[in-house]
Structure formats: structure tokens, C-alpha cells
Amino acid sequence: MILFIAKVVGAALIIAFASWLSGQNPKLAGFIIAFPLLSLIAIAFSYYEHNDIEKTILFTKSILVAVPVSYLFFLPFFFTKSLNMNFFMIYGAGLGLLVIGFFIHKYIANFL
């Protein structure tokens, strides 16, 4: 239970720091969030908790497939001016594309 709480607090601190930093230095904050820091930590914790290399490898492969698929969320933000949409519409469109991305990931993950 202590390990779980430590993971929650650690992840929350990274996210909170990046959110705060986005107001000071948005480019650096974006780089920190894009960096697979959370994946590195999650992979290590997964192996430590389950001590199962096969599950950890499958977990890692799933992340590898999910990362490029998750970029679908950001597509509407590149077309903000041409689509003439407000923030919530763009954000909603990104979430909709992310749902589509989930099904793409699910399909590809069947071959792992």
C-alpha cells in the first residue's frame, strides 16, 4: 500500500510541476511531459511488483504502439485557425480522436 501511495504522489508531483511550468516555459513543460519519464517509472514498477518479464515486455510493447496512436489527440490543435473552433471544441475533437486511437491500439495490440 505504501508503494502505491508513493507512485500516486510521485506521478501527481510530475504532472503538477509540468502544469505549473507550462505557464513559465511552455516548451520545456511540453518536453518534460513528452519525455517517457512516466513510462520508464511505470515499467520498472510493473516488473518490481509482478516479477514477470513476459507481462512487462507486453506492457512495454503496448506503450510503444500507444504513443504514436495517442498523437491523434493533438491533431485538432494544429488546425485551430482553419477550423475556427473554440478551445472546448478542439479539446473535445481531440478526445474523440483519442477514442478512435484506443480502438486502433486495441486492434494492433492483438498482434503483439
PDB file of N, CA and C in Angstrom:
ATOM      1  N   MET A   1       0.815  -1.188   0.000  1.00  0.00           N
ATOM      2  CA  MET A   1       0.000   0.000   0.000  1.00  0.00           C
ATOM      3  C   MET A   1       0.866   1.263   0.000  1.00  0.00           C
ATOM      4  N   ILE A   2       1.971   1.228   0.716  1.00  0.00           N
ATOM      5  CA  ILE A   2       2.870   2.386   0.759  1.00  0.00           C
ATOM      6  C   ILE A   2       3.466   2.641  -0.616  1.00  0.00           C
ATOM      7  N   LEU A   3       3.819   1.572  -1.331  1.00  0.00           N
ATOM      8  CA  LEU A   3       4.368   1.719  -2.677  1.00  0.00           C
ATOM      9  C   LEU A   3       3.343   2.375  -3.600  1.00  0.00           C
ATOM     10  N   PHE A   4       2.103   1.962  -3.498  1.00  0.00           N
ATOM     11  CA  PHE A   4       1.044   2.538  -4.328  1.00  0.00           C
ATOM     12  C   PHE A   4       0.903   4.035  -4.055  1.00  0.00           C
ATOM     13  N   ILE A   5       0.884   4.417  -2.812  1.00  0.00           N
ATOM     14  CA  ILE A   5       0.760   5.830  -2.436  1.00  0.00           C
ATOM     15  C   ILE A   5       1.965   6.620  -2.946  1.00  0.00           C
ATOM     16  N   ALA A   6       3.149   6.050  -2.836  1.00  0.00           N
ATOM     17  CA  ALA A   6       4.357   6.714  -3.333  1.00  0.00           C
ATOM     18  C   ALA A   6       4.270   6.937  -4.842  1.00  0.00           C
ATOM     19  N   LYS A   7       3.746   5.946  -5.568  1.00  0.00           N
ATOM     20  CA  LYS A   7       3.602   6.093  -7.025  1.00  0.00           C
ATOM     21  C   LYS A   7       2.600   7.186  -7.368  1.00  0.00           C
ATOM     22  N   VAL A   8       1.492   7.226  -6.652  1.00  0.00           N
ATOM     23  CA  VAL A   8       0.464   8.242  -6.908  1.00  0.00           C
ATOM     24  C   VAL A   8       1.026   9.641  -6.637  1.00  0.00           C
ATOM     25  N   VAL A   9       1.690   9.803  -5.506  1.00  0.00           N
ATOM     26  CA  VAL A   9       2.249  11.104  -5.139  1.00  0.00           C
ATOM     27  C   VAL A   9       3.336  11.517  -6.140  1.00  0.00           C
ATOM     28  N   GLY A  10       4.198  10.604  -6.513  1.00  0.00           N
ATOM     29  CA  GLY A  10       5.262  10.912  -7.475  1.00  0.00           C
ATOM     30  C   GLY A  10       4.712  11.343  -8.827  1.00  0.00           C
ATOM     31  N   ALA A  11       3.749  10.595  -9.349  1.00  0.00           N
ATOM     32  CA  ALA A  11       3.147  10.957 -10.637  1.00  0.00           C
ATOM     33  C   ALA A  11       2.425  12.293 -10.539  1.00  0.00           C
ATOM     34  N   ALA A  12       1.713  12.508  -9.440  1.00  0.00           N
ATOM     35  CA  ALA A  12       0.996  13.764  -9.251  1.00  0.00           C
ATOM     36  C   ALA A  12       1.961  14.951  -9.204  1.00  0.00           C
ATOM     37  N   LEU A  13       3.088  14.771  -8.556  1.00  0.00           N
ATOM     38  CA  LEU A  13       4.071  15.855  -8.478  1.00  0.00           C
ATOM     39  C   LEU A  13       4.645  16.194  -9.851  1.00  0.00           C
ATOM     40  N   ILE A  14       4.927  15.183 -10.660  1.00  0.00           N
ATOM     41  CA  ILE A  14       5.459  15.427 -12.007  1.00  0.00           C
ATOM     42  C   ILE A  14       4.432  16.178 -12.844  1.00  0.00           C
ATOM     43  N   ILE A  15       3.181  15.744 -12.794  1.00  0.00           N
ATOM     44  CA  ILE A  15       2.127  16.397 -13.569  1.00  0.00           C
ATOM     45  C   ILE A  15       1.898  17.826 -13.069  1.00  0.00           C
ATOM     46  N   ALA A  16       1.839  17.996 -11.764  1.00  0.00           N
ATOM     47  CA  ALA A  16       1.628  19.330 -11.196  1.00  0.00           C
ATOM     48  C   ALA A  16       2.785  20.261 -11.546  1.00  0.00           C
ATOM     49  N   PHE A  17       4.007  19.750 -11.490  1.00  0.00           N
ATOM     50  CA  PHE A  17       5.172  20.567 -11.838  1.00  0.00           C
ATOM     51  C   PHE A  17       5.120  20.984 -13.303  1.00  0.00           C
ATOM     52  N   ALA A  18       4.812  20.044 -14.190  1.00  0.00           N
ATOM     53  CA  ALA A  18       4.750  20.360 -15.620  1.00  0.00           C
ATOM     54  C   ALA A  18       3.632  21.365 -15.900  1.00  0.00           C
ATOM     55  N   SER A  19       2.510  21.228 -15.214  1.00  0.00           N
ATOM     56  CA  SER A  19       1.400  22.165 -15.380  1.00  0.00           C
ATOM     57  C   SER A  19       1.817  23.567 -14.940  1.00  0.00           C
ATOM     58  N   TRP A  20       2.478  23.667 -13.812  1.00  0.00           N
ATOM     59  CA  TRP A  20       2.967  24.957 -13.337  1.00  0.00           C
ATOM     60  C   TRP A  20       3.999  25.518 -14.309  1.00  0.00           C
ATOM     61  N   LEU A  21       4.920  24.673 -14.750  1.00  0.00           N
ATOM     62  CA  LEU A  21       5.991  25.107 -15.645  1.00  0.00           C
ATOM     63  C   LEU A  21       5.455  25.578 -16.988  1.00  0.00           C
ATOM     64  N   SER A  22       4.297  25.051 -17.407  1.00  0.00           N
ATOM     65  CA  SER A  22       3.737  25.455 -18.706  1.00  0.00           C
ATOM     66  C   SER A  22       3.422  26.945 -18.751  1.00  0.00           C
ATOM     67  N   GLY A  23       3.183  27.556 -17.604  1.00  0.00           N
ATOM     68  CA  GLY A  23       2.969  28.998 -17.550  1.00  0.00           C
ATOM     69  C   GLY A  23       4.267  29.782 -17.629  1.00  0.00           C
ATOM     70  N   GLN A  24       5.362  29.180 -17.197  1.00  0.00           N
ATOM     71  CA  GLN A  24       6.667  29.850 -17.182  1.00  0.00           C
ATOM     72  C   GLN A  24       7.448  29.574 -18.469  1.00  0.00           C
ATOM     73  N   ASN A  25       7.460  28.313 -18.865  1.00  0.00           N
ATOM     74  CA  ASN A  25       8.243  27.887 -20.027  1.00  0.00           C
ATOM     75  C   ASN A  25       7.490  26.744 -20.733  1.00  0.00           C
ATOM     76  N   PRO A  26       6.506  27.080 -21.584  1.00  0.00           N
ATOM     77  CA  PRO A  26       5.665  26.051 -22.203  1.00  0.00           C
ATOM     78  C   PRO A  26       6.443  25.012 -23.017  1.00  0.00           C
ATOM     79  N   LYS A  27       7.499  25.429 -23.669  1.00  0.00           N
ATOM     80  CA  LYS A  27       8.269  24.478 -24.487  1.00  0.00           C
ATOM     81  C   LYS A  27       8.962  23.434 -23.615  1.00  0.00           C
ATOM     82  N   LEU A  28       9.556  23.870 -22.522  1.00  0.00           N
ATOM     83  CA  LEU A  28      10.214  22.933 -21.608  1.00  0.00           C
ATOM     84  C   LEU A  28       9.185  22.016 -20.956  1.00  0.00           C
ATOM     85  N   ALA A  29       8.045  22.567 -20.559  1.00  0.00           N
ATOM     86  CA  ALA A  29       6.988  21.748 -19.952  1.00  0.00           C
ATOM     87  C   ALA A  29       6.494  20.688 -20.934  1.00  0.00           C
ATOM     88  N   GLY A  30       6.334  21.074 -22.191  1.00  0.00           N
ATOM     89  CA  GLY A  30       5.918  20.116 -23.217  1.00  0.00           C
ATOM     90  C   GLY A  30       6.934  19.005 -23.396  1.00  0.00           C
ATOM     91  N   PHE A  31       8.209  19.370 -23.347  1.00  0.00           N
ATOM     92  CA  PHE A  31       9.258  18.356 -23.475  1.00  0.00           C
ATOM     93  C   PHE A  31       9.231  17.396 -22.296  1.00  0.00           C
ATOM     94  N   ILE A  32       9.043  17.928 -21.100  1.00  0.00           N
ATOM     95  CA  ILE A  32       9.013  17.075 -19.903  1.00  0.00           C
ATOM     96  C   ILE A  32       7.849  16.092 -19.982  1.00  0.00           C
ATOM     97  N   ILE A  33       6.683  16.562 -20.397  1.00  0.00           N
ATOM     98  CA  ILE A  33       5.525  15.682 -20.498  1.00  0.00           C
ATOM     99  C   ILE A  33       5.722  14.658 -21.609  1.00  0.00           C
ATOM    100  N   ALA A  34       6.345  15.065 -22.711  1.00  0.00           N
ATOM    101  CA  ALA A  34       6.565  14.135 -23.825  1.00  0.00           C
ATOM    102  C   ALA A  34       7.635  13.095 -23.507  1.00  0.00           C
ATOM    103  N   PHE A  35       8.549  13.455 -22.632  1.00  0.00           N
ATOM    104  CA  PHE A  35       9.605  12.526 -22.246  1.00  0.00           C
ATOM    105  C   PHE A  35       8.973  11.302 -21.597  1.00  0.00           C
ATOM    106  N   PRO A  36       9.433  10.133 -21.936  1.00  0.00           N
ATOM    107  CA  PRO A  36       8.773   8.927 -21.405  1.00  0.00           C
ATOM    108  C   PRO A  36       9.112   8.647 -19.941  1.00  0.00           C
ATOM    109  N   LEU A  37       9.231   9.703 -19.153  1.00  0.00           N
ATOM    110  CA  LEU A  37       9.586   9.556 -17.746  1.00  0.00           C
ATOM    111  C   LEU A  37       8.590   8.669 -17.007  1.00  0.00           C
ATOM    112  N   LEU A  38       7.310   8.923 -17.215  1.00  0.00           N
ATOM    113  CA  LEU A  38       6.311   8.119 -16.527  1.00  0.00           C
ATOM    114  C   LEU A  38       6.322   6.675 -17.024  1.00  0.00           C
ATOM    115  N   SER A  39       6.589   6.496 -18.312  1.00  0.00           N
ATOM    116  CA  SER A  39       6.688   5.128 -18.837  1.00  0.00           C
ATOM    117  C   SER A  39       7.874   4.395 -18.218  1.00  0.00           C
ATOM    118  N   LEU A  40       8.999   5.083 -18.109  1.00  0.00           N
ATOM    119  CA  LEU A  40      10.183   4.470 -17.501  1.00  0.00           C
ATOM    120  C   LEU A  40       9.887   4.016 -16.073  1.00  0.00           C
ATOM    121  N   ILE A  41       9.231   4.878 -15.323  1.00  0.00           N
ATOM    122  CA  ILE A  41       8.906   4.558 -13.930  1.00  0.00           C
ATOM    123  C   ILE A  41       7.881   3.429 -13.875  1.00  0.00           C
ATOM    124  N   ALA A  42       6.839   3.513 -14.700  1.00  0.00           N
ATOM    125  CA  ALA A  42       5.780   2.502 -14.681  1.00  0.00           C
ATOM    126  C   ALA A  42       6.313   1.124 -15.084  1.00  0.00           C
ATOM    127  N   ILE A  43       7.203   1.074 -16.061  1.00  0.00           N
ATOM    128  CA  ILE A  43       7.773  -0.210 -16.495  1.00  0.00           C
ATOM    129  C   ILE A  43       8.586  -0.839 -15.356  1.00  0.00           C
ATOM    130  N   ALA A  44       9.400  -0.029 -14.709  1.00  0.00           N
ATOM    131  CA  ALA A  44      10.202  -0.548 -13.596  1.00  0.00           C
ATOM    132  C   ALA A  44       9.311  -1.025 -12.450  1.00  0.00           C
ATOM    133  N   PHE A  45       8.302  -0.227 -12.097  1.00  0.00           N
ATOM    134  CA  PHE A  45       7.377  -0.631 -11.034  1.00  0.00           C
ATOM    135  C   PHE A  45       6.612  -1.889 -11.402  1.00  0.00           C
ATOM    136  N   SER A  46       6.214  -1.997 -12.661  1.00  0.00           N
ATOM    137  CA  SER A  46       5.470  -3.182 -13.113  1.00  0.00           C
ATOM    138  C   SER A  46       6.300  -4.441 -12.906  1.00  0.00           C
ATOM    139  N   TYR A  47       7.554  -4.381 -13.324  1.00  0.00           N
ATOM    140  CA  TYR A  47       8.404  -5.556 -13.149  1.00  0.00           C
ATOM    141  C   TYR A  47       8.640  -5.837 -11.660  1.00  0.00           C
ATOM    142  N   TYR A  48       8.887  -4.777 -10.892  1.00  0.00           N
ATOM    143  CA  TYR A  48       9.147  -4.934  -9.458  1.00  0.00           C
ATOM    144  C   TYR A  48       7.947  -5.570  -8.749  1.00  0.00           C
ATOM    145  N   GLU A  49       6.737  -5.121  -9.094  1.00  0.00           N
ATOM    146  CA  GLU A  49       5.534  -5.622  -8.426  1.00  0.00           C
ATOM    147  C   GLU A  49       5.182  -7.050  -8.830  1.00  0.00           C
ATOM    148  N   HIS A  50       5.289  -7.349 -10.122  1.00  0.00           N
ATOM    149  CA  HIS A  50       4.798  -8.632 -10.628  1.00  0.00           C
ATOM    150  C   HIS A  50       5.906  -9.655 -10.875  1.00  0.00           C
ATOM    151  N   ASN A  51       7.139  -9.174 -10.996  1.00  0.00           N
ATOM    152  CA  ASN A  51       8.293 -10.036 -11.235  1.00  0.00           C
ATOM    153  C   ASN A  51       8.033 -11.016 -12.392  1.00  0.00           C
ATOM    154  N   ASP A  52       7.408 -10.490 -13.445  1.00  0.00           N
ATOM    155  CA  ASP A  52       7.050 -11.294 -14.612  1.00  0.00           C
ATOM    156  C   ASP A  52       7.540 -10.578 -15.862  1.00  0.00           C
ATOM    157  N   ILE A  53       8.654 -11.041 -16.405  1.00  0.00           N
ATOM    158  CA  ILE A  53       9.267 -10.379 -17.551  1.00  0.00           C
ATOM    159  C   ILE A  53       8.362 -10.409 -18.776  1.00  0.00           C
ATOM    160  N   GLU A  54       7.607 -11.466 -18.968  1.00  0.00           N
ATOM    161  CA  GLU A  54       6.719 -11.558 -20.135  1.00  0.00           C
ATOM    162  C   GLU A  54       5.629 -10.482 -20.086  1.00  0.00           C
ATOM    163  N   LYS A  55       5.012 -10.307 -18.924  1.00  0.00           N
ATOM    164  CA  LYS A  55       3.986  -9.269 -18.785  1.00  0.00           C
ATOM    165  C   LYS A  55       4.598  -7.877 -18.941  1.00  0.00           C
ATOM    166  N   THR A  56       5.788  -7.693 -18.420  1.00  0.00           N
ATOM    167  CA  THR A  56       6.457  -6.400 -18.538  1.00  0.00           C
ATOM    168  C   THR A  56       6.794  -6.096 -19.990  1.00  0.00           C
ATOM    169  N   ILE A  57       7.244  -7.094 -20.731  1.00  0.00           N
ATOM    170  CA  ILE A  57       7.551  -6.894 -22.148  1.00  0.00           C
ATOM    171  C   ILE A  57       6.283  -6.566 -22.931  1.00  0.00           C
ATOM    172  N   LEU A  58       5.196  -7.270 -22.650  1.00  0.00           N
ATOM    173  CA  LEU A  58       3.921  -6.990 -23.314  1.00  0.00           C
ATOM    174  C   LEU A  58       3.443  -5.579 -22.967  1.00  0.00           C
ATOM    175  N   PHE A  59       3.588  -5.185 -21.714  1.00  0.00           N
ATOM    176  CA  PHE A  59       3.246  -3.838 -21.268  1.00  0.00           C
ATOM    177  C   PHE A  59       4.049  -2.801 -22.053  1.00  0.00           C
ATOM    178  N   THR A  60       5.342  -3.044 -22.206  1.00  0.00           N
ATOM    179  CA  THR A  60       6.222  -2.127 -22.919  1.00  0.00           C
ATOM    180  C   THR A  60       5.858  -2.046 -24.402  1.00  0.00           C
ATOM    181  N   LYS A  61       5.556  -3.174 -25.015  1.00  0.00           N
ATOM    182  CA  LYS A  61       5.140  -3.170 -26.426  1.00  0.00           C
ATOM    183  C   LYS A  61       3.839  -2.386 -26.598  1.00  0.00           C
ATOM    184  N   SER A  62       2.928  -2.549 -25.643  1.00  0.00           N
ATOM    185  CA  SER A  62       1.670  -1.816 -25.702  1.00  0.00           C
ATOM    186  C   SER A  62       1.915  -0.312 -25.634  1.00  0.00           C
ATOM    187  N   ILE A  63       2.840   0.108 -24.795  1.00  0.00           N
ATOM    188  CA  ILE A  63       3.203   1.527 -24.710  1.00  0.00           C
ATOM    189  C   ILE A  63       3.769   1.999 -26.036  1.00  0.00           C
ATOM    190  N   LEU A  64       4.648   1.197 -26.635  1.00  0.00           N
ATOM    191  CA  LEU A  64       5.271   1.563 -27.903  1.00  0.00           C
ATOM    192  C   LEU A  64       4.220   1.797 -28.983  1.00  0.00           C
ATOM    193  N   VAL A  65       3.196   0.971 -29.028  1.00  0.00           N
ATOM    194  CA  VAL A  65       2.120   1.136 -30.005  1.00  0.00           C
ATOM    195  C   VAL A  65       1.244   2.331 -29.623  1.00  0.00           C
ATOM    196  N   ALA A  66       0.980   2.513 -28.346  1.00  0.00           N
ATOM    197  CA  ALA A  66       0.059   3.556 -27.890  1.00  0.00           C
ATOM    198  C   ALA A  66       0.609   4.966 -28.075  1.00  0.00           C
ATOM    199  N   VAL A  67       1.905   5.145 -27.982  1.00  0.00           N
ATOM    200  CA  VAL A  67       2.464   6.501 -28.052  1.00  0.00           C
ATOM    201  C   VAL A  67       2.128   7.174 -29.382  1.00  0.00           C
ATOM    202  N   PRO A  68       2.464   6.582 -30.532  1.00  0.00           N
ATOM    203  CA  PRO A  68       2.115   7.288 -31.774  1.00  0.00           C
ATOM    204  C   PRO A  68       0.603   7.406 -31.992  1.00  0.00           C
ATOM    205  N   VAL A  69      -0.162   6.423 -31.553  1.00  0.00           N
ATOM    206  CA  VAL A  69      -1.618   6.493 -31.697  1.00  0.00           C
ATOM    207  C   VAL A  69      -2.173   7.635 -30.844  1.00  0.00           C
ATOM    208  N   SER A  70      -1.581   7.868 -29.679  1.00  0.00           N
ATOM    209  CA  SER A  70      -2.074   8.932 -28.802  1.00  0.00           C
ATOM    210  C   SER A  70      -1.852  10.321 -29.391  1.00  0.00           C
ATOM    211  N   TYR A  71      -0.989  10.456 -30.376  1.00  0.00           N
ATOM    212  CA  TYR A  71      -0.766  11.749 -31.021  1.00  0.00           C
ATOM    213  C   TYR A  71      -2.013  12.250 -31.736  1.00  0.00           C
ATOM    214  N   LEU A  72      -2.962  11.362 -32.001  1.00  0.00           N
ATOM    215  CA  LEU A  72      -4.212  11.781 -32.631  1.00  0.00           C
ATOM    216  C   LEU A  72      -4.902  12.883 -31.822  1.00  0.00           C
ATOM    217  N   PHE A  73      -4.748  12.844 -30.512  1.00  0.00           N
ATOM    218  CA  PHE A  73      -5.360  13.869 -29.649  1.00  0.00           C
ATOM    219  C   PHE A  73      -4.912  15.267 -30.048  1.00  0.00           C
ATOM    220  N   PHE A  74      -3.672  15.415 -30.471  1.00  0.00           N
ATOM    221  CA  PHE A  74      -3.103  16.734 -30.730  1.00  0.00           C
ATOM    222  C   PHE A  74      -3.447  17.289 -32.112  1.00  0.00           C
ATOM    223  N   LEU A  75      -3.935  16.462 -33.018  1.00  0.00           N
ATOM    224  CA  LEU A  75      -4.221  16.912 -34.382  1.00  0.00           C
ATOM    225  C   LEU A  75      -5.124  18.138 -34.458  1.00  0.00           C
ATOM    226  N   PRO A  76      -6.252  18.173 -33.774  1.00  0.00           N
ATOM    227  CA  PRO A  76      -7.114  19.357 -33.896  1.00  0.00           C
ATOM    228  C   PRO A  76      -6.443  20.661 -33.476  1.00  0.00           C
ATOM    229  N   PHE A  77      -5.484  20.591 -32.569  1.00  0.00           N
ATOM    230  CA  PHE A  77      -4.806  21.804 -32.116  1.00  0.00           C
ATOM    231  C   PHE A  77      -3.972  22.449 -33.219  1.00  0.00           C
ATOM    232  N   PHE A  78      -3.566  21.660 -34.208  1.00  0.00           N
ATOM    233  CA  PHE A  78      -2.796  22.205 -35.326  1.00  0.00           C
ATOM    234  C   PHE A  78      -3.688  22.920 -36.339  1.00  0.00           C
ATOM    235  N   PHE A  79      -4.977  22.699 -36.254  1.00  0.00           N
ATOM    236  CA  PHE A  79      -5.907  23.280 -37.220  1.00  0.00           C
ATOM    237  C   PHE A  79      -6.865  24.272 -36.569  1.00  0.00           C
ATOM    238  N   THR A  80      -6.462  24.872 -35.466  1.00  0.00           N
ATOM    239  CA  THR A  80      -7.362  25.754 -34.718  1.00  0.00           C
ATOM    240  C   THR A  80      -7.829  26.942 -35.553  1.00  0.00           C
ATOM    241  N   LYS A  81      -6.940  27.560 -36.275  1.00  0.00           N
ATOM    242  CA  LYS A  81      -7.308  28.753 -37.039  1.00  0.00           C
ATOM    243  C   LYS A  81      -8.156  28.391 -38.252  1.00  0.00           C
ATOM    244  N   SER A  82      -7.807  27.329 -38.932  1.00  0.00           N
ATOM    245  CA  SER A  82      -8.573  26.970 -40.129  1.00  0.00           C
ATOM    246  C   SER A  82      -9.937  26.366 -39.784  1.00  0.00           C
ATOM    247  N   LEU A  83     -10.069  25.727 -38.624  1.00  0.00           N
ATOM    248  CA  LEU A  83     -11.344  25.137 -38.223  1.00  0.00           C
ATOM    249  C   LEU A  83     -12.238  26.145 -37.502  1.00  0.00           C
ATOM    250  N   ASN A  84     -11.655  27.256 -37.049  1.00  0.00           N
ATOM    251  CA  ASN A  84     -12.386  28.304 -36.337  1.00  0.00           C
ATOM    252  C   ASN A  84     -13.217  27.729 -35.190  1.00  0.00           C
ATOM    253  N   MET A  85     -12.553  26.983 -34.320  1.00  0.00           N
ATOM    254  CA  MET A  85     -13.218  26.336 -33.194  1.00  0.00           C
ATOM    255  C   MET A  85     -12.674  26.918 -31.889  1.00  0.00           C
ATOM    256  N   ASN A  86     -13.503  26.912 -30.843  1.00  0.00           N
ATOM    257  CA  ASN A  86     -13.008  27.361 -29.548  1.00  0.00           C
ATOM    258  C   ASN A  86     -12.254  26.221 -28.860  1.00  0.00           C
ATOM    259  N   PHE A  87     -11.670  26.524 -27.706  1.00  0.00           N
ATOM    260  CA  PHE A  87     -10.832  25.537 -27.015  1.00  0.00           C
ATOM    261  C   PHE A  87     -11.579  24.255 -26.701  1.00  0.00           C
ATOM    262  N   PHE A  88     -12.791  24.369 -26.195  1.00  0.00           N
ATOM    263  CA  PHE A  88     -13.522  23.176 -25.772  1.00  0.00           C
ATOM    264  C   PHE A  88     -13.908  22.290 -26.955  1.00  0.00           C
ATOM    265  N   MET A  89     -14.185  22.901 -28.092  1.00  0.00           N
ATOM    266  CA  MET A  89     -14.484  22.108 -29.292  1.00  0.00           C
ATOM    267  C   MET A  89     -13.228  21.371 -29.769  1.00  0.00           C
ATOM    268  N   ILE A  90     -12.106  22.071 -29.742  1.00  0.00           N
ATOM    269  CA  ILE A  90     -10.841  21.456 -30.155  1.00  0.00           C
ATOM    270  C   ILE A  90     -10.475  20.327 -29.201  1.00  0.00           C
ATOM    271  N   TYR A  91     -10.604  20.584 -27.907  1.00  0.00           N
ATOM    272  CA  TYR A  91     -10.294  19.588 -26.891  1.00  0.00           C
ATOM    273  C   TYR A  91     -11.210  18.376 -27.045  1.00  0.00           C
ATOM    274  N   GLY A  92     -12.485  18.620 -27.268  1.00  0.00           N
ATOM    275  CA  GLY A  92     -13.446  17.537 -27.474  1.00  0.00           C
ATOM    276  C   GLY A  92     -13.137  16.729 -28.713  1.00  0.00           C
ATOM    277  N   ALA A  93     -12.756  17.410 -29.790  1.00  0.00           N
ATOM    278  CA  ALA A  93     -12.379  16.702 -31.018  1.00  0.00           C
ATOM    279  C   ALA A  93     -11.151  15.831 -30.768  1.00  0.00           C
ATOM    280  N   GLY A  94     -10.199  16.367 -29.991  1.00  0.00           N
ATOM    281  CA  GLY A  94      -9.009  15.586 -29.638  1.00  0.00           C
ATOM    282  C   GLY A  94      -9.365  14.354 -28.834  1.00  0.00           C
ATOM    283  N   LEU A  95     -10.282  14.512 -27.892  1.00  0.00           N
ATOM    284  CA  LEU A  95     -10.728  13.357 -27.099  1.00  0.00           C
ATOM    285  C   LEU A  95     -11.441  12.336 -27.980  1.00  0.00           C
ATOM    286  N   GLY A  96     -12.245  12.820 -28.926  1.00  0.00           N
ATOM    287  CA  GLY A  96     -12.910  11.910 -29.862  1.00  0.00           C
ATOM    288  C   GLY A  96     -11.906  11.122 -30.688  1.00  0.00           C
ATOM    289  N   LEU A  97     -10.867  11.808 -31.175  1.00  0.00           N
ATOM    290  CA  LEU A  97      -9.818  11.116 -31.928  1.00  0.00           C
ATOM    291  C   LEU A  97      -9.061  10.142 -31.040  1.00  0.00           C
ATOM    292  N   LEU A  98      -8.931  10.479 -29.771  1.00  0.00           N
ATOM    293  CA  LEU A  98      -8.256   9.576 -28.834  1.00  0.00           C
ATOM    294  C   LEU A  98      -9.066   8.302 -28.632  1.00  0.00           C
ATOM    295  N   VAL A  99     -10.371   8.410 -28.619  1.00  0.00           N
ATOM    296  CA  VAL A  99     -11.226   7.217 -28.524  1.00  0.00           C
ATOM    297  C   VAL A  99     -11.015   6.337 -29.764  1.00  0.00           C
ATOM    298  N   ILE A 100     -10.976   6.965 -30.924  1.00  0.00           N
ATOM    299  CA  ILE A 100     -10.686   6.211 -32.152  1.00  0.00           C
ATOM    300  C   ILE A 100      -9.306   5.568 -32.042  1.00  0.00           C
ATOM    301  N   GLY A 101      -8.339   6.324 -31.504  1.00  0.00           N
ATOM    302  CA  GLY A 101      -6.990   5.801 -31.308  1.00  0.00           C
ATOM    303  C   GLY A 101      -6.957   4.591 -30.399  1.00  0.00           C
ATOM    304  N   PHE A 102      -7.825   4.587 -29.374  1.00  0.00           N
ATOM    305  CA  PHE A 102      -7.896   3.428 -28.486  1.00  0.00           C
ATOM    306  C   PHE A 102      -8.252   2.162 -29.269  1.00  0.00           C
ATOM    307  N   PHE A 103      -9.216   2.271 -30.170  1.00  0.00           N
ATOM    308  CA  PHE A 103      -9.614   1.100 -30.951  1.00  0.00           C
ATOM    309  C   PHE A 103      -8.520   0.690 -31.948  1.00  0.00           C
ATOM    310  N   ILE A 104      -7.795   1.668 -32.468  1.00  0.00           N
ATOM    311  CA  ILE A 104      -6.642   1.350 -33.328  1.00  0.00           C
ATOM    312  C   ILE A 104      -5.601   0.595 -32.507  1.00  0.00           C
ATOM    313  N   HIS A 105      -5.316   1.094 -31.300  1.00  0.00           N
ATOM    314  CA  HIS A 105      -4.351   0.439 -30.415  1.00  0.00           C
ATOM    315  C   HIS A 105      -4.803  -0.978 -30.078  1.00  0.00           C
ATOM    316  N   LYS A 106      -6.077  -1.118 -29.756  1.00  0.00           N
ATOM    317  CA  LYS A 106      -6.623  -2.433 -29.402  1.00  0.00           C
ATOM    318  C   LYS A 106      -6.450  -3.411 -30.554  1.00  0.00           C
ATOM    319  N   TYR A 107      -6.682  -2.956 -31.777  1.00  0.00           N
ATOM    320  CA  TYR A 107      -6.526  -3.802 -32.961  1.00  0.00           C
ATOM    321  C   TYR A 107      -5.068  -4.212 -33.151  1.00  0.00           C
ATOM    322  N   ILE A 108      -4.169  -3.230 -33.088  1.00  0.00           N
ATOM    323  CA  ILE A 108      -2.732  -3.509 -33.287  1.00  0.00           C
ATOM    324  C   ILE A 108      -2.194  -4.393 -32.159  1.00  0.00           C
ATOM    325  N   ALA A 109      -2.653  -4.145 -30.934  1.00  0.00           N
ATOM    326  CA  ALA A 109      -2.159  -4.897 -29.765  1.00  0.00           C
ATOM    327  C   ALA A 109      -2.504  -6.381 -29.866  1.00  0.00           C
ATOM    328  N   ASN A 110      -3.511  -6.734 -30.631  1.00  0.00           N
ATOM    329  CA  ASN A 110      -3.851  -8.146 -30.819  1.00  0.00           C
ATOM    330  C   ASN A 110      -2.733  -8.926 -31.502  1.00  0.00           C
ATOM    331  N   PHE A 111      -1.836  -8.211 -32.195  1.00  0.00           N
ATOM    332  CA  PHE A 111      -0.734  -8.869 -32.902  1.00  0.00           C
ATOM    333  C   PHE A 111       0.549  -8.918 -32.098  1.00  0.00           C
ATOM    334  N   LEU A 112       0.534  -8.381 -30.890  1.00  0.00           N
ATOM    335  CA  LEU A 112       1.765  -8.365 -30.059  1.00  0.00           C
ATOM    336  C   LEU A 112       2.039  -9.728 -29.463  1.00  0.00           C
TER     337      LEU A 112
END
